[in-house]
Amino acid sequence: MNSTNVLKKSNANTNVKSKKDKKLKDEAKSNKFIQQIVSPIAILIIWEILADLKLIDTRFFPAPSMIFHSFINLLTTGILLNDLSVSLFRIIGGFIVGAVPGLIIGLTMGLFPIIRNILDPIVAATYPIPKLALMPLIMIIFGLNDLEKIVVIAIGTFFIVLMNTAAGVINLDKIYMDVARNYGASKKDYYLTVALPGALPMIFTGLKLGMGMALLLIVAAEMNGASSGIGYRIWESYNIFDIPAMFVSFIIMSILGYVFTIILDLIEKLIIPWKHS
């Protein structure tokens, strides 16, 4: 009887402790969210006050209220949605076109030393070339259209995903390869059951960096030979000195970067939950 009471008491204490831990975690998440939104709001308030008091040059740093007015104008006229949809098509298209071959070739380089020895010098020689320096050549080959922008983004994404994927496979514990070899794994098994799962953390790092590169390149790509898109809107705002509209485009790009990071983080948590446990 005494042992039963002790067991019940122990279980009760465990339940109380788990509830307290859950409450502390919820409070930590709430505090983190509050801390994350306080600083941007504080910056906007200070910015608005400085602009109203003429302590900053509003020609170059317009008040947040002016930027918001420009945002509403671009939104209601449909210009912003059109630019956003065009840029998203180019970003996602270029990201997929660059990331998929980067992933496949990266896995191959990581698995097979011969392939790695052959491709390593090529990657090392071509990666440092600024992707924007290739734009004139890409324009000549593909013309001034969406495909040209997609190719520019794809090239930038390709190298980052490839190198992170290859590094992830190379750094795998050799015991996994030995076990697969002992069980007579096929080349397909090496790819799908050894290299890919083991390299997933590094692959997602490469995907996040690749998406950041895609956002950087889309702005530059759309500043030349484009008639729509966020990058085009930035350049057009410069030409007509519409600085509030330029800041709207800056903010949209930052929001896109934040949203894409959240999406990739959620996918990463679903596919490799052990990394976040």
C-alpha atoms as a PDB file:
ATOM      1  CA  MET A   1       0.000   0.000   0.000  1.00  0.00           C
ATOM      2  CA  ASN A   2       2.802   2.381   0.879  1.00  0.00           C
ATOM      3  CA  SER A   3       4.593   1.682  -2.407  1.00  0.00           C
ATOM      4  CA  THR A   4       1.367   2.407  -4.314  1.00  0.00           C
ATOM      5  CA  ASN A   5       0.967   5.756  -2.557  1.00  0.00           C
ATOM      6  CA  VAL A   6       4.583   6.644  -3.279  1.00  0.00           C
ATOM      7  CA  LEU A   7       4.100   5.788  -6.951  1.00  0.00           C
ATOM      8  CA  LYS A   8       0.937   7.912  -7.174  1.00  0.00           C
ATOM      9  CA  LYS A   9       2.691  10.794  -5.461  1.00  0.00           C
ATOM     10  CA  SER A  10       5.641  10.485  -7.840  1.00  0.00           C
ATOM     11  CA  ASN A  11       3.334  10.518 -10.872  1.00  0.00           C
ATOM     12  CA  ALA A  12       1.504  13.542  -9.506  1.00  0.00           C
ATOM     13  CA  ASN A  13       4.790  15.395  -9.015  1.00  0.00           C
ATOM     14  CA  THR A  14       5.861  14.505 -12.552  1.00  0.00           C
ATOM     15  CA  ASN A  15       2.579  15.844 -13.971  1.00  0.00           C
ATOM     16  CA  VAL A  16       2.917  19.065 -11.999  1.00  0.00           C
ATOM     17  CA  LYS A  17       6.503  19.492 -13.192  1.00  0.00           C
ATOM     18  CA  SER A  18       5.555  18.874 -16.842  1.00  0.00           C
ATOM     19  CA  LYS A  19       2.742  21.427 -16.572  1.00  0.00           C
ATOM     20  CA  LYS A  20       5.150  23.968 -15.084  1.00  0.00           C
ATOM     21  CA  ASP A  21       7.687  23.290 -17.851  1.00  0.00           C
ATOM     22  CA  LYS A  22       4.984  23.730 -20.495  1.00  0.00           C
ATOM     23  CA  LYS A  23       3.860  26.978 -18.862  1.00  0.00           C
ATOM     24  CA  LEU A  24       7.445  28.268 -18.795  1.00  0.00           C
ATOM     25  CA  LYS A  25       7.909  27.365 -22.474  1.00  0.00           C
ATOM     26  CA  ASP A  26       4.670  29.154 -23.412  1.00  0.00           C
ATOM     27  CA  GLU A  27       5.744  32.228 -21.449  1.00  0.00           C
ATOM     28  CA  ALA A  28       9.163  32.170 -23.145  1.00  0.00           C
ATOM     29  CA  LYS A  29       7.533  32.007 -26.587  1.00  0.00           C
ATOM     30  CA  SER A  30       5.199  34.867 -25.670  1.00  0.00           C
ATOM     31  CA  ASN A  31       8.083  36.987 -24.380  1.00  0.00           C
ATOM     32  CA  LYS A  32      10.129  36.225 -27.494  1.00  0.00           C
ATOM     33  CA  PHE A  33       7.251  37.341 -29.738  1.00  0.00           C
ATOM     34  CA  ILE A  34       6.806  40.575 -27.778  1.00  0.00           C
ATOM     35  CA  GLN A  35      10.539  41.297 -27.906  1.00  0.00           C
ATOM     36  CA  GLN A  36      10.591  40.692 -31.659  1.00  0.00           C
ATOM     37  CA  ILE A  37       7.818  43.207 -32.411  1.00  0.00           C
ATOM     38  CA  VAL A  38       8.810  45.873 -29.888  1.00  0.00           C
ATOM     39  CA  SER A  39      12.074  46.881 -31.578  1.00  0.00           C
ATOM     40  CA  PRO A  40      10.612  47.449 -35.100  1.00  0.00           C
ATOM     41  CA  ILE A  41       7.696  49.436 -33.671  1.00  0.00           C
ATOM     42  CA  ALA A  42      10.073  51.537 -31.560  1.00  0.00           C
ATOM     43  CA  ILE A  43      12.237  52.253 -34.631  1.00  0.00           C
ATOM     44  CA  LEU A  44       9.185  53.345 -36.646  1.00  0.00           C
ATOM     45  CA  ILE A  45       7.991  55.659 -33.859  1.00  0.00           C
ATOM     46  CA  ILE A  46      11.422  57.262 -33.450  1.00  0.00           C
ATOM     47  CA  TRP A  47      11.742  57.574 -37.236  1.00  0.00           C
ATOM     48  CA  GLU A  48       8.351  59.305 -37.484  1.00  0.00           C
ATOM     49  CA  ILE A  49       9.206  61.727 -34.681  1.00  0.00           C
ATOM     50  CA  LEU A  50      12.575  62.619 -36.203  1.00  0.00           C
ATOM     51  CA  ALA A  51      10.914  63.219 -39.590  1.00  0.00           C
ATOM     52  CA  ASP A  52       8.182  65.418 -38.060  1.00  0.00           C
ATOM     53  CA  LEU A  53      10.782  67.466 -36.196  1.00  0.00           C
ATOM     54  CA  LYS A  54      12.847  67.819 -39.419  1.00  0.00           C
ATOM     55  CA  LEU A  55      15.836  66.257 -37.698  1.00  0.00           C
ATOM     56  CA  ILE A  56      16.384  63.991 -40.710  1.00  0.00           C
ATOM     57  CA  ASP A  57      16.206  64.835 -44.400  1.00  0.00           C
ATOM     58  CA  THR A  58      12.781  63.557 -45.468  1.00  0.00           C
ATOM     59  CA  ARG A  59      13.815  63.764 -49.121  1.00  0.00           C
ATOM     60  CA  PHE A  60      15.966  60.697 -48.545  1.00  0.00           C
ATOM     61  CA  PHE A  61      14.322  59.245 -45.426  1.00  0.00           C
ATOM     62  CA  PRO A  62      10.576  59.931 -45.709  1.00  0.00           C
ATOM     63  CA  ALA A  63       8.423  59.481 -42.639  1.00  0.00           C
ATOM     64  CA  PRO A  64       6.840  56.019 -42.161  1.00  0.00           C
ATOM     65  CA  SER A  65       3.426  57.646 -42.618  1.00  0.00           C
ATOM     66  CA  MET A  66       4.472  58.841 -46.101  1.00  0.00           C
ATOM     67  CA  ILE A  67       5.763  55.363 -46.941  1.00  0.00           C
ATOM     68  CA  PHE A  68       2.482  53.853 -45.765  1.00  0.00           C
ATOM     69  CA  HIS A  69       0.525  56.309 -47.932  1.00  0.00           C
ATOM     70  CA  SER A  70       2.662  55.300 -50.923  1.00  0.00           C
ATOM     71  CA  PHE A  71       2.066  51.632 -50.083  1.00  0.00           C
ATOM     72  CA  ILE A  72      -1.721  52.144 -50.098  1.00  0.00           C
ATOM     73  CA  ASN A  73      -1.503  53.976 -53.411  1.00  0.00           C
ATOM     74  CA  LEU A  74       0.582  51.223 -55.054  1.00  0.00           C
ATOM     75  CA  LEU A  75      -1.728  48.586 -53.609  1.00  0.00           C
ATOM     76  CA  THR A  76      -5.013  50.148 -54.703  1.00  0.00           C
ATOM     77  CA  THR A  77      -3.760  50.822 -58.228  1.00  0.00           C
ATOM     78  CA  GLY A  78      -2.678  47.177 -58.591  1.00  0.00           C
ATOM     79  CA  ILE A  79       0.943  48.095 -59.340  1.00  0.00           C
ATOM     80  CA  LEU A  80       2.294  46.480 -56.186  1.00  0.00           C
ATOM     81  CA  LEU A  81       0.435  43.184 -56.646  1.00  0.00           C
ATOM     82  CA  ASN A  82       1.536  42.975 -60.276  1.00  0.00           C
ATOM     83  CA  ASP A  83       5.193  43.642 -59.369  1.00  0.00           C
ATOM     84  CA  LEU A  84       5.009  41.148 -56.509  1.00  0.00           C
ATOM     85  CA  SER A  85       3.479  38.363 -58.606  1.00  0.00           C
ATOM     86  CA  VAL A  86       6.065  38.856 -61.384  1.00  0.00           C
ATOM     87  CA  SER A  87       8.988  38.828 -58.955  1.00  0.00           C
ATOM     88  CA  LEU A  88       7.652  35.785 -57.075  1.00  0.00           C
ATOM     89  CA  PHE A  89       7.380  33.839 -60.339  1.00  0.00           C
ATOM     90  CA  ARG A  90      10.993  34.662 -61.190  1.00  0.00           C
ATOM     91  CA  ILE A  91      12.302  34.002 -57.668  1.00  0.00           C
ATOM     92  CA  ILE A  92      10.575  30.647 -57.199  1.00  0.00           C
ATOM     93  CA  GLY A  93      11.316  29.563 -60.764  1.00  0.00           C
ATOM     94  CA  GLY A  94      15.011  30.436 -60.511  1.00  0.00           C
ATOM     95  CA  PHE A  95      15.274  28.886 -57.049  1.00  0.00           C
ATOM     96  CA  ILE A  96      13.825  25.547 -58.211  1.00  0.00           C
ATOM     97  CA  VAL A  97      15.845  25.478 -61.439  1.00  0.00           C
ATOM     98  CA  GLY A  98      19.051  26.102 -59.473  1.00  0.00           C
ATOM     99  CA  ALA A  99      18.370  24.104 -56.295  1.00  0.00           C
ATOM    100  CA  VAL A 100      17.287  20.783 -57.855  1.00  0.00           C
ATOM    101  CA  PRO A 101      20.417  20.182 -59.989  1.00  0.00           C
ATOM    102  CA  GLY A 102      22.552  21.616 -57.170  1.00  0.00           C
ATOM    103  CA  LEU A 103      21.081  19.024 -54.803  1.00  0.00           C
ATOM    104  CA  ILE A 104      21.549  16.100 -57.209  1.00  0.00           C
ATOM    105  CA  ILE A 105      25.098  16.996 -58.236  1.00  0.00           C
ATOM    106  CA  GLY A 106      26.015  17.794 -54.629  1.00  0.00           C
ATOM    107  CA  LEU A 107      24.868  14.343 -53.499  1.00  0.00           C
ATOM    108  CA  THR A 108      26.810  12.764 -56.353  1.00  0.00           C
ATOM    109  CA  MET A 109      29.982  14.676 -55.515  1.00  0.00           C
ATOM    110  CA  GLY A 110      29.669  13.721 -51.879  1.00  0.00           C
ATOM    111  CA  LEU A 111      29.130  10.024 -52.599  1.00  0.00           C
ATOM    112  CA  PHE A 112      31.683   9.455 -55.326  1.00  0.00           C
ATOM    113  CA  PRO A 113      35.250  10.776 -54.848  1.00  0.00           C
ATOM    114  CA  ILE A 114      36.002  10.401 -58.570  1.00  0.00           C
ATOM    115  CA  ILE A 115      33.135  12.728 -59.514  1.00  0.00           C
ATOM    116  CA  ARG A 116      34.205  15.104 -56.736  1.00  0.00           C
ATOM    117  CA  ASN A 117      37.788  15.195 -58.017  1.00  0.00           C
ATOM    118  CA  ILE A 118      36.566  15.964 -61.538  1.00  0.00           C
ATOM    119  CA  LEU A 119      34.051  18.675 -60.622  1.00  0.00           C
ATOM    120  CA  ASP A 120      35.834  20.328 -57.681  1.00  0.00           C
ATOM    121  CA  PRO A 121      38.207  22.433 -59.834  1.00  0.00           C
ATOM    122  CA  ILE A 122      35.325  23.552 -62.072  1.00  0.00           C
ATOM    123  CA  VAL A 123      33.189  24.598 -59.097  1.00  0.00           C
ATOM    124  CA  ALA A 124      36.137  26.312 -57.402  1.00  0.00           C
ATOM    125  CA  ALA A 125      36.932  28.250 -60.574  1.00  0.00           C
ATOM    126  CA  THR A 126      33.392  29.315 -61.517  1.00  0.00           C
ATOM    127  CA  TYR A 127      31.833  30.014 -58.114  1.00  0.00           C
ATOM    128  CA  PRO A 128      33.836  33.213 -57.395  1.00  0.00           C
ATOM    129  CA  ILE A 129      32.689  34.813 -60.665  1.00  0.00           C
ATOM    130  CA  PRO A 130      30.137  37.505 -59.687  1.00  0.00           C
ATOM    131  CA  LYS A 131      26.764  36.323 -60.936  1.00  0.00           C
ATOM    132  CA  LEU A 132      25.830  39.865 -61.968  1.00  0.00           C
ATOM    133  CA  ALA A 133      28.934  39.984 -64.180  1.00  0.00           C
ATOM    134  CA  LEU A 134      27.381  37.167 -66.201  1.00  0.00           C
ATOM    135  CA  MET A 135      24.189  39.135 -66.866  1.00  0.00           C
ATOM    136  CA  PRO A 136      25.311  40.695 -70.198  1.00  0.00           C
ATOM    137  CA  LEU A 137      26.192  37.246 -71.554  1.00  0.00           C
ATOM    138  CA  ILE A 138      22.933  35.752 -70.238  1.00  0.00           C
ATOM    139  CA  MET A 139      20.981  38.624 -71.822  1.00  0.00           C
ATOM    140  CA  ILE A 140      22.627  37.952 -75.187  1.00  0.00           C
ATOM    141  CA  ILE A 141      21.860  34.232 -74.992  1.00  0.00           C
ATOM    142  CA  PHE A 142      18.322  34.289 -73.569  1.00  0.00           C
ATOM    143  CA  GLY A 143      17.126  37.797 -74.408  1.00  0.00           C
ATOM    144  CA  LEU A 144      15.384  40.342 -72.185  1.00  0.00           C
ATOM    145  CA  ASN A 145      12.626  38.194 -70.740  1.00  0.00           C
ATOM    146  CA  ASP A 146      11.644  36.183 -67.658  1.00  0.00           C
ATOM    147  CA  LEU A 147      13.931  33.305 -68.621  1.00  0.00           C
ATOM    148  CA  GLU A 148      16.986  35.536 -68.398  1.00  0.00           C
ATOM    149  CA  LYS A 149      16.089  36.561 -64.822  1.00  0.00           C
ATOM    150  CA  ILE A 150      15.351  32.953 -63.856  1.00  0.00           C
ATOM    151  CA  VAL A 151      18.745  31.809 -65.205  1.00  0.00           C
ATOM    152  CA  VAL A 152      20.592  34.512 -63.227  1.00  0.00           C
ATOM    153  CA  ILE A 153      18.854  33.432 -60.004  1.00  0.00           C
ATOM    154  CA  ALA A 154      19.345  29.743 -60.808  1.00  0.00           C
ATOM    155  CA  ILE A 155      23.113  30.146 -61.238  1.00  0.00           C
ATOM    156  CA  GLY A 156      23.458  31.891 -57.877  1.00  0.00           C
ATOM    157  CA  THR A 157      21.291  29.321 -56.093  1.00  0.00           C
ATOM    158  CA  PHE A 158      22.926  26.321 -57.782  1.00  0.00           C
ATOM    159  CA  PHE A 159      26.422  26.818 -56.356  1.00  0.00           C
ATOM    160  CA  ILE A 160      25.279  27.430 -52.777  1.00  0.00           C
ATOM    161  CA  VAL A 161      22.999  24.383 -52.654  1.00  0.00           C
ATOM    162  CA  LEU A 162      25.615  22.209 -54.382  1.00  0.00           C
ATOM    163  CA  MET A 163      28.451  23.078 -51.994  1.00  0.00           C
ATOM    164  CA  ASN A 164      26.346  22.691 -48.841  1.00  0.00           C
ATOM    165  CA  THR A 165      24.898  19.385 -50.033  1.00  0.00           C
ATOM    166  CA  ALA A 166      28.308  17.985 -50.946  1.00  0.00           C
ATOM    167  CA  ALA A 167      29.734  19.098 -47.591  1.00  0.00           C
ATOM    168  CA  GLY A 168      26.837  17.447 -45.775  1.00  0.00           C
ATOM    169  CA  VAL A 169      27.447  14.107 -47.486  1.00  0.00           C
ATOM    170  CA  ILE A 170      31.238  14.243 -47.097  1.00  0.00           C
ATOM    171  CA  ASN A 171      30.922  14.888 -43.358  1.00  0.00           C
ATOM    172  CA  LEU A 172      28.648  11.874 -42.808  1.00  0.00           C
ATOM    173  CA  ASP A 173      30.001   9.238 -40.444  1.00  0.00           C
ATOM    174  CA  LYS A 174      31.643   6.515 -42.550  1.00  0.00           C
ATOM    175  CA  ILE A 175      29.853   3.848 -40.565  1.00  0.00           C
ATOM    176  CA  TYR A 176      26.639   4.638 -42.445  1.00  0.00           C
ATOM    177  CA  MET A 177      28.344   3.964 -45.758  1.00  0.00           C
ATOM    178  CA  ASP A 178      29.882   0.747 -44.397  1.00  0.00           C
ATOM    179  CA  VAL A 179      26.515  -0.533 -43.183  1.00  0.00           C
ATOM    180  CA  ALA A 180      24.889   0.264 -46.541  1.00  0.00           C
ATOM    181  CA  ARG A 181      27.725  -1.503 -48.369  1.00  0.00           C
ATOM    182  CA  ASN A 182      27.480  -4.582 -46.127  1.00  0.00           C
ATOM    183  CA  TYR A 183      23.753  -4.860 -46.817  1.00  0.00           C
ATOM    184  CA  GLY A 184      24.343  -4.631 -50.554  1.00  0.00           C
ATOM    185  CA  ALA A 185      22.740  -1.209 -51.033  1.00  0.00           C
ATOM    186  CA  SER A 186      22.214  -0.093 -54.611  1.00  0.00           C
ATOM    187  CA  LYS A 187      23.254   3.309 -55.914  1.00  0.00           C
ATOM    188  CA  LYS A 188      19.643   4.430 -55.521  1.00  0.00           C
ATOM    189  CA  ASP A 189      19.712   3.334 -51.862  1.00  0.00           C
ATOM    190  CA  TYR A 190      22.936   5.275 -51.302  1.00  0.00           C
ATOM    191  CA  TYR A 191      21.215   8.408 -52.577  1.00  0.00           C
ATOM    192  CA  LEU A 192      17.818   8.048 -50.897  1.00  0.00           C
ATOM    193  CA  THR A 193      18.534   6.195 -47.639  1.00  0.00           C
ATOM    194  CA  VAL A 194      22.080   7.262 -46.746  1.00  0.00           C
ATOM    195  CA  ALA A 195      23.282  10.492 -48.357  1.00  0.00           C
ATOM    196  CA  LEU A 196      20.016  12.433 -48.552  1.00  0.00           C
ATOM    197  CA  PRO A 197      18.752  11.872 -44.969  1.00  0.00           C
ATOM    198  CA  GLY A 198      22.207  12.301 -43.465  1.00  0.00           C
ATOM    199  CA  ALA A 199      22.929  15.540 -45.315  1.00  0.00           C
ATOM    200  CA  LEU A 200      19.483  17.118 -44.763  1.00  0.00           C
ATOM    201  CA  PRO A 201      20.624  19.654 -42.117  1.00  0.00           C
ATOM    202  CA  MET A 202      23.334  20.992 -44.436  1.00  0.00           C
ATOM    203  CA  ILE A 203      20.968  20.826 -47.414  1.00  0.00           C
ATOM    204  CA  PHE A 204      18.457  23.056 -45.657  1.00  0.00           C
ATOM    205  CA  THR A 205      21.227  25.459 -44.729  1.00  0.00           C
ATOM    206  CA  GLY A 206      22.104  25.628 -48.419  1.00  0.00           C
ATOM    207  CA  LEU A 207      18.457  26.125 -49.388  1.00  0.00           C
ATOM    208  CA  LYS A 208      18.085  29.036 -46.960  1.00  0.00           C
ATOM    209  CA  LEU A 209      21.284  30.667 -48.194  1.00  0.00           C
ATOM    210  CA  GLY A 210      20.198  29.995 -51.779  1.00  0.00           C
ATOM    211  CA  MET A 211      16.869  31.706 -51.206  1.00  0.00           C
ATOM    212  CA  GLY A 212      18.703  34.714 -49.769  1.00  0.00           C
ATOM    213  CA  MET A 213      20.883  34.784 -52.878  1.00  0.00           C
ATOM    214  CA  ALA A 214      17.758  34.575 -55.062  1.00  0.00           C
ATOM    215  CA  LEU A 215      16.284  37.652 -53.358  1.00  0.00           C
ATOM    216  CA  LEU A 216      19.537  39.561 -53.834  1.00  0.00           C
ATOM    217  CA  LEU A 217      19.823  38.665 -57.508  1.00  0.00           C
ATOM    218  CA  ILE A 218      16.186  39.338 -58.457  1.00  0.00           C
ATOM    219  CA  VAL A 219      16.533  43.025 -57.614  1.00  0.00           C
ATOM    220  CA  ALA A 220      19.635  43.460 -59.770  1.00  0.00           C
ATOM    221  CA  ALA A 221      18.214  41.299 -62.580  1.00  0.00           C
ATOM    222  CA  GLU A 222      14.994  43.330 -62.735  1.00  0.00           C
ATOM    223  CA  MET A 223      16.846  46.628 -62.919  1.00  0.00           C
ATOM    224  CA  ASN A 224      17.907  45.780 -66.465  1.00  0.00           C
ATOM    225  CA  GLY A 225      15.533  44.956 -69.295  1.00  0.00           C
ATOM    226  CA  ALA A 226      12.399  44.633 -67.159  1.00  0.00           C
ATOM    227  CA  SER A 227       9.072  46.464 -67.216  1.00  0.00           C
ATOM    228  CA  SER A 228       7.717  45.099 -63.934  1.00  0.00           C
ATOM    229  CA  GLY A 229       8.869  43.509 -60.698  1.00  0.00           C
ATOM    230  CA  ILE A 230      10.126  44.742 -57.338  1.00  0.00           C
ATOM    231  CA  GLY A 231      13.631  45.438 -58.672  1.00  0.00           C
ATOM    232  CA  TYR A 232      12.184  47.350 -61.613  1.00  0.00           C
ATOM    233  CA  ARG A 233      10.027  49.406 -59.217  1.00  0.00           C
ATOM    234  CA  ILE A 234      13.097  50.340 -57.161  1.00  0.00           C
ATOM    235  CA  TRP A 235      14.928  51.547 -60.272  1.00  0.00           C
ATOM    236  CA  GLU A 236      11.862  53.354 -61.611  1.00  0.00           C
ATOM    237  CA  SER A 237      11.394  55.074 -58.224  1.00  0.00           C
ATOM    238  CA  TYR A 238      15.003  56.225 -58.426  1.00  0.00           C
ATOM    239  CA  ASN A 239      14.501  57.629 -61.920  1.00  0.00           C
ATOM    240  CA  ILE A 240      11.476  59.710 -60.911  1.00  0.00           C
ATOM    241  CA  PHE A 241      12.783  60.372 -57.380  1.00  0.00           C
ATOM    242  CA  ASP A 242       9.799  58.689 -55.726  1.00  0.00           C
ATOM    243  CA  ILE A 243      11.638  57.744 -52.538  1.00  0.00           C
ATOM    244  CA  PRO A 244       8.564  56.575 -50.546  1.00  0.00           C
ATOM    245  CA  ALA A 245       7.763  54.046 -53.309  1.00  0.00           C
ATOM    246  CA  MET A 246      11.388  52.923 -53.211  1.00  0.00           C
ATOM    247  CA  PHE A 247      11.112  52.267 -49.482  1.00  0.00           C
ATOM    248  CA  VAL A 248       7.904  50.309 -50.066  1.00  0.00           C
ATOM    249  CA  SER A 249       9.852  48.030 -52.403  1.00  0.00           C
ATOM    250  CA  PHE A 250      12.633  47.672 -49.804  1.00  0.00           C
ATOM    251  CA  ILE A 251      10.093  46.641 -47.170  1.00  0.00           C
ATOM    252  CA  ILE A 252       8.407  44.158 -49.515  1.00  0.00           C
ATOM    253  CA  MET A 253      11.767  42.505 -50.213  1.00  0.00           C
ATOM    254  CA  SER A 254      12.530  42.249 -46.492  1.00  0.00           C
ATOM    255  CA  ILE A 255       9.097  40.729 -45.826  1.00  0.00           C
ATOM    256  CA  LEU A 256       9.647  38.206 -48.628  1.00  0.00           C
ATOM    257  CA  GLY A 257      12.972  37.201 -47.081  1.00  0.00           C
ATOM    258  CA  TYR A 258      11.347  36.749 -43.671  1.00  0.00           C
ATOM    259  CA  VAL A 259       8.402  34.753 -45.067  1.00  0.00           C
ATOM    260  CA  PHE A 260      10.617  32.436 -47.146  1.00  0.00           C
ATOM    261  CA  THR A 261      12.837  31.808 -44.105  1.00  0.00           C
ATOM    262  CA  ILE A 262       9.806  30.878 -41.983  1.00  0.00           C
ATOM    263  CA  ILE A 263       8.493  28.542 -44.694  1.00  0.00           C
ATOM    264  CA  LEU A 264      11.838  26.756 -45.032  1.00  0.00           C
ATOM    265  CA  ASP A 265      12.135  26.516 -41.235  1.00  0.00           C
ATOM    266  CA  LEU A 266       8.687  24.893 -41.014  1.00  0.00           C
ATOM    267  CA  ILE A 267       9.545  22.422 -43.780  1.00  0.00           C
ATOM    268  CA  GLU A 268      12.827  21.639 -42.032  1.00  0.00           C
ATOM    269  CA  LYS A 269      11.030  20.934 -38.738  1.00  0.00           C
ATOM    270  CA  LEU A 270       8.628  18.563 -40.503  1.00  0.00           C
ATOM    271  CA  ILE A 271      11.331  16.660 -42.410  1.00  0.00           C
ATOM    272  CA  ILE A 272      14.096  16.587 -39.769  1.00  0.00           C
ATOM    273  CA  PRO A 273      12.353  17.053 -36.400  1.00  0.00           C
ATOM    274  CA  TRP A 274      15.316  15.554 -34.511  1.00  0.00           C
ATOM    275  CA  LYS A 275      17.394  18.632 -35.289  1.00  0.00           C
ATOM    276  CA  HIS A 276      15.003  20.832 -33.277  1.00  0.00           C
ATOM    277  CA  SER A 277      14.277  18.385 -30.459  1.00  0.00           C
END
